[in-house]
Amino acid sequence: MRFLRHFAVRCMLIAVSLALSAEISHAQKSKYACSEPNPASLCTASNTCGSASESCSVDVKRSSNSASATPSIQHAKGNSTFCVKAGTTVVWKSDTKHQGFIVDMGPHSPFSTDDIIGGADKSVTVIAKTPGCYSVGACLSGAIYGMCGNGTAELVVVQ
């Protein structure tokens, strides 16, 4: 009887540890697209913005004490991973009045410019050129006591 109880407890512990490791593995895979072995495989019709004939508009806005970049995709959330095809025109803008922004693509940009600086009165239009996965750092002035409030999305440019 004692043996069966120990055996059942061990089986239960093994099952719980396997379930937890599968959940942790799934969470690690979905946390950052750019750390995936093939980020382009994450691109679907529901998270791809624009096309060769239609531009992708990205609204950079303040969200409490940070910034967010939201692509013009139905049901898109701020700072989520989104995809564009190489050759797509991307328009960075802010729909918030009197709002300026800076978008930093990191050390390598898929666009012809490294930093995108614009605002409510000045949208910035660029064309996605270089396929790859990029961290999009959006910054809005005045978000935190006059400092810059940051937000980060991930952009996957596919061929």
Protein backbone atom coordinates (compact mmCIF):
# COMPACT_ATOMS: atom_id res chain seq x y z
CA MET A 1 0.00 0.00 0.00
CA ARG A 2 2.81 2.35 0.93
CA PHE A 3 4.60 1.56 -2.33
CA LEU A 4 1.51 2.43 -4.38
CA ARG A 5 1.09 5.74 -2.57
CA HIS A 6 4.74 6.72 -3.22
CA PHE A 7 4.40 5.58 -6.83
CA ALA A 8 1.25 7.70 -7.31
CA VAL A 9 2.90 10.76 -5.76
CA ARG A 10 5.96 10.39 -7.99
CA CYS A 11 3.78 10.00 -11.10
CA MET A 12 1.83 13.11 -10.12
CA LEU A 13 5.05 15.12 -9.58
CA ILE A 14 6.39 14.03 -12.96
CA ALA A 15 3.13 14.98 -14.67
CA VAL A 16 3.07 18.40 -13.00
CA SER A 17 6.72 19.10 -13.85
CA LEU A 18 6.14 18.11 -17.51
CA ALA A 19 3.09 20.37 -17.72
CA LEU A 20 5.01 23.27 -16.16
CA SER A 21 8.00 22.83 -18.48
CA ALA A 22 5.69 22.76 -21.52
CA GLU A 23 3.99 25.95 -20.32
CA ILE A 24 7.33 27.67 -19.68
CA SER A 25 8.60 26.57 -23.09
CA HIS A 26 5.46 27.97 -24.77
CA ALA A 27 5.75 31.24 -22.85
CA GLN A 28 9.42 31.61 -23.79
CA LYS A 29 8.69 31.02 -27.47
CA SER A 30 5.93 33.62 -27.64
CA LYS A 31 7.53 36.36 -25.54
CA TYR A 32 9.86 37.92 -28.13
CA ALA A 33 9.45 37.29 -31.84
CA CYS A 34 13.00 38.39 -32.64
CA SER A 35 14.47 35.70 -30.38
CA GLU A 36 12.68 32.97 -32.36
CA PRO A 37 14.76 30.94 -34.83
CA ASN A 38 12.45 31.95 -37.73
CA PRO A 39 10.48 35.12 -36.82
CA ALA A 40 8.94 35.28 -40.33
CA SER A 41 7.02 32.08 -39.53
CA LEU A 42 5.02 34.10 -36.99
CA CYS A 43 3.60 36.34 -39.75
CA THR A 44 -0.01 35.65 -40.66
CA ALA A 45 -2.74 37.57 -42.46
CA SER A 46 -4.02 38.81 -39.09
CA ASN A 47 -0.73 40.46 -38.05
CA THR A 48 0.56 41.65 -41.44
CA CYS A 49 0.14 45.34 -42.13
CA GLY A 50 -0.16 46.91 -45.57
CA SER A 51 0.79 45.46 -48.95
CA ALA A 52 2.52 46.48 -52.17
CA SER A 53 -0.50 48.64 -53.07
CA GLU A 54 -1.58 49.77 -49.57
CA SER A 55 0.58 51.49 -46.96
CA CYS A 56 0.89 50.40 -43.34
CA SER A 57 0.08 53.17 -40.89
CA VAL A 58 1.55 52.97 -37.38
CA ASP A 59 0.11 55.22 -34.67
CA VAL A 60 2.62 56.16 -31.99
CA LYS A 61 0.86 57.36 -28.87
CA ARG A 62 1.15 57.87 -25.16
CA SER A 63 -0.16 55.14 -22.89
CA SER A 64 -0.06 56.22 -19.23
CA ASN A 65 3.69 56.45 -18.49
CA SER A 66 4.98 54.94 -21.70
CA ALA A 67 4.56 54.94 -25.46
CA SER A 68 2.99 52.43 -27.80
CA ALA A 69 3.18 51.73 -31.53
CA THR A 70 -0.05 50.33 -33.01
CA PRO A 71 -0.20 49.23 -36.67
CA SER A 72 -3.32 49.74 -38.78
CA ILE A 73 -4.44 46.15 -38.46
CA GLN A 74 -7.89 45.20 -37.29
CA HIS A 75 -7.82 44.31 -33.56
CA ALA A 76 -4.13 45.28 -33.25
CA LYS A 77 -2.81 45.97 -29.77
CA GLY A 78 -0.13 48.51 -28.93
CA ASN A 79 3.45 47.23 -28.84
CA SER A 80 2.54 43.87 -30.34
CA THR A 81 4.51 42.06 -33.02
CA PHE A 82 3.50 43.00 -36.55
CA CYS A 83 4.77 42.18 -40.02
CA VAL A 84 5.20 44.03 -43.31
CA LYS A 85 6.45 42.80 -46.65
CA ALA A 86 9.62 44.30 -48.11
CA GLY A 87 8.61 47.15 -50.40
CA THR A 88 5.66 48.20 -48.24
CA THR A 89 5.32 51.90 -47.45
CA VAL A 90 5.12 52.46 -43.68
CA VAL A 91 3.67 55.74 -42.37
CA TRP A 92 4.65 56.57 -38.78
CA LYS A 93 2.26 59.10 -37.23
CA SER A 94 0.60 60.25 -34.06
CA ASP A 95 -3.14 60.83 -33.91
CA THR A 96 -2.71 62.64 -30.58
CA LYS A 97 -2.63 66.45 -30.85
CA HIS A 98 0.60 68.22 -29.91
CA GLN A 99 2.44 64.90 -29.65
CA GLY A 100 5.98 64.29 -30.88
CA PHE A 101 7.69 60.92 -31.16
CA ILE A 102 10.94 59.20 -31.97
CA VAL A 103 11.07 55.64 -33.32
CA ASP A 104 14.40 53.86 -32.97
CA MET A 105 14.91 50.64 -34.92
CA GLY A 106 18.11 49.70 -33.09
CA PRO A 107 21.56 49.29 -34.66
CA HIS A 108 20.16 48.18 -38.05
CA SER A 109 17.07 49.66 -39.65
CA PRO A 110 14.94 48.07 -42.38
CA PHE A 111 14.33 51.59 -43.70
CA SER A 112 16.59 54.11 -45.42
CA THR A 113 16.80 56.10 -42.17
CA ASP A 114 17.89 54.93 -38.73
CA ASP A 115 15.75 57.19 -36.56
CA ILE A 116 12.21 58.27 -37.36
CA ILE A 117 11.30 61.62 -35.81
CA GLY A 118 7.78 62.97 -36.25
CA GLY A 119 4.61 64.01 -34.51
CA ALA A 120 0.98 64.97 -34.82
CA ASP A 121 1.87 67.62 -37.40
CA LYS A 122 4.53 65.56 -39.18
CA SER A 123 4.03 61.94 -40.21
CA VAL A 124 7.09 60.12 -41.52
CA THR A 125 6.83 57.88 -44.59
CA VAL A 126 9.48 55.20 -45.21
CA ILE A 127 9.70 52.02 -47.28
CA ALA A 128 10.56 48.68 -45.68
CA LYS A 129 13.62 47.37 -47.51
CA THR A 130 15.67 44.91 -45.48
CA PRO A 131 14.01 41.65 -44.38
CA GLY A 132 14.57 40.68 -40.74
CA CYS A 133 13.22 41.16 -37.24
CA TYR A 134 13.53 44.56 -35.59
CA SER A 135 12.80 45.97 -32.17
CA VAL A 136 10.76 49.16 -32.53
CA GLY A 137 11.46 51.56 -29.67
CA ALA A 138 8.88 54.35 -29.55
CA CYS A 139 9.52 57.37 -27.38
CA LEU A 140 7.19 60.24 -26.48
CA SER A 141 8.45 63.36 -24.78
CA GLY A 142 6.81 64.47 -21.57
CA ALA A 143 5.44 61.05 -20.64
CA ILE A 144 7.29 60.83 -17.32
CA TYR A 145 7.96 64.17 -15.64
CA GLY A 146 9.38 65.69 -18.80
CA MET A 147 11.42 62.61 -19.62
CA CYS A 148 10.84 60.20 -22.46
CA GLY A 149 8.28 57.41 -22.01
CA ASN A 150 9.28 54.30 -23.91
CA GLY A 151 7.44 51.41 -25.50
CA THR A 152 8.71 48.52 -27.58
CA ALA A 153 7.06 46.56 -30.38
CA GLU A 154 8.61 44.09 -32.79
CA LEU A 155 8.52 44.49 -36.57
CA VAL A 156 9.17 41.56 -38.89
CA VAL A 157 9.96 42.50 -42.50
CA VAL A 158 9.40 39.50 -44.79
CA GLN A 159 10.44 38.98 -48.38
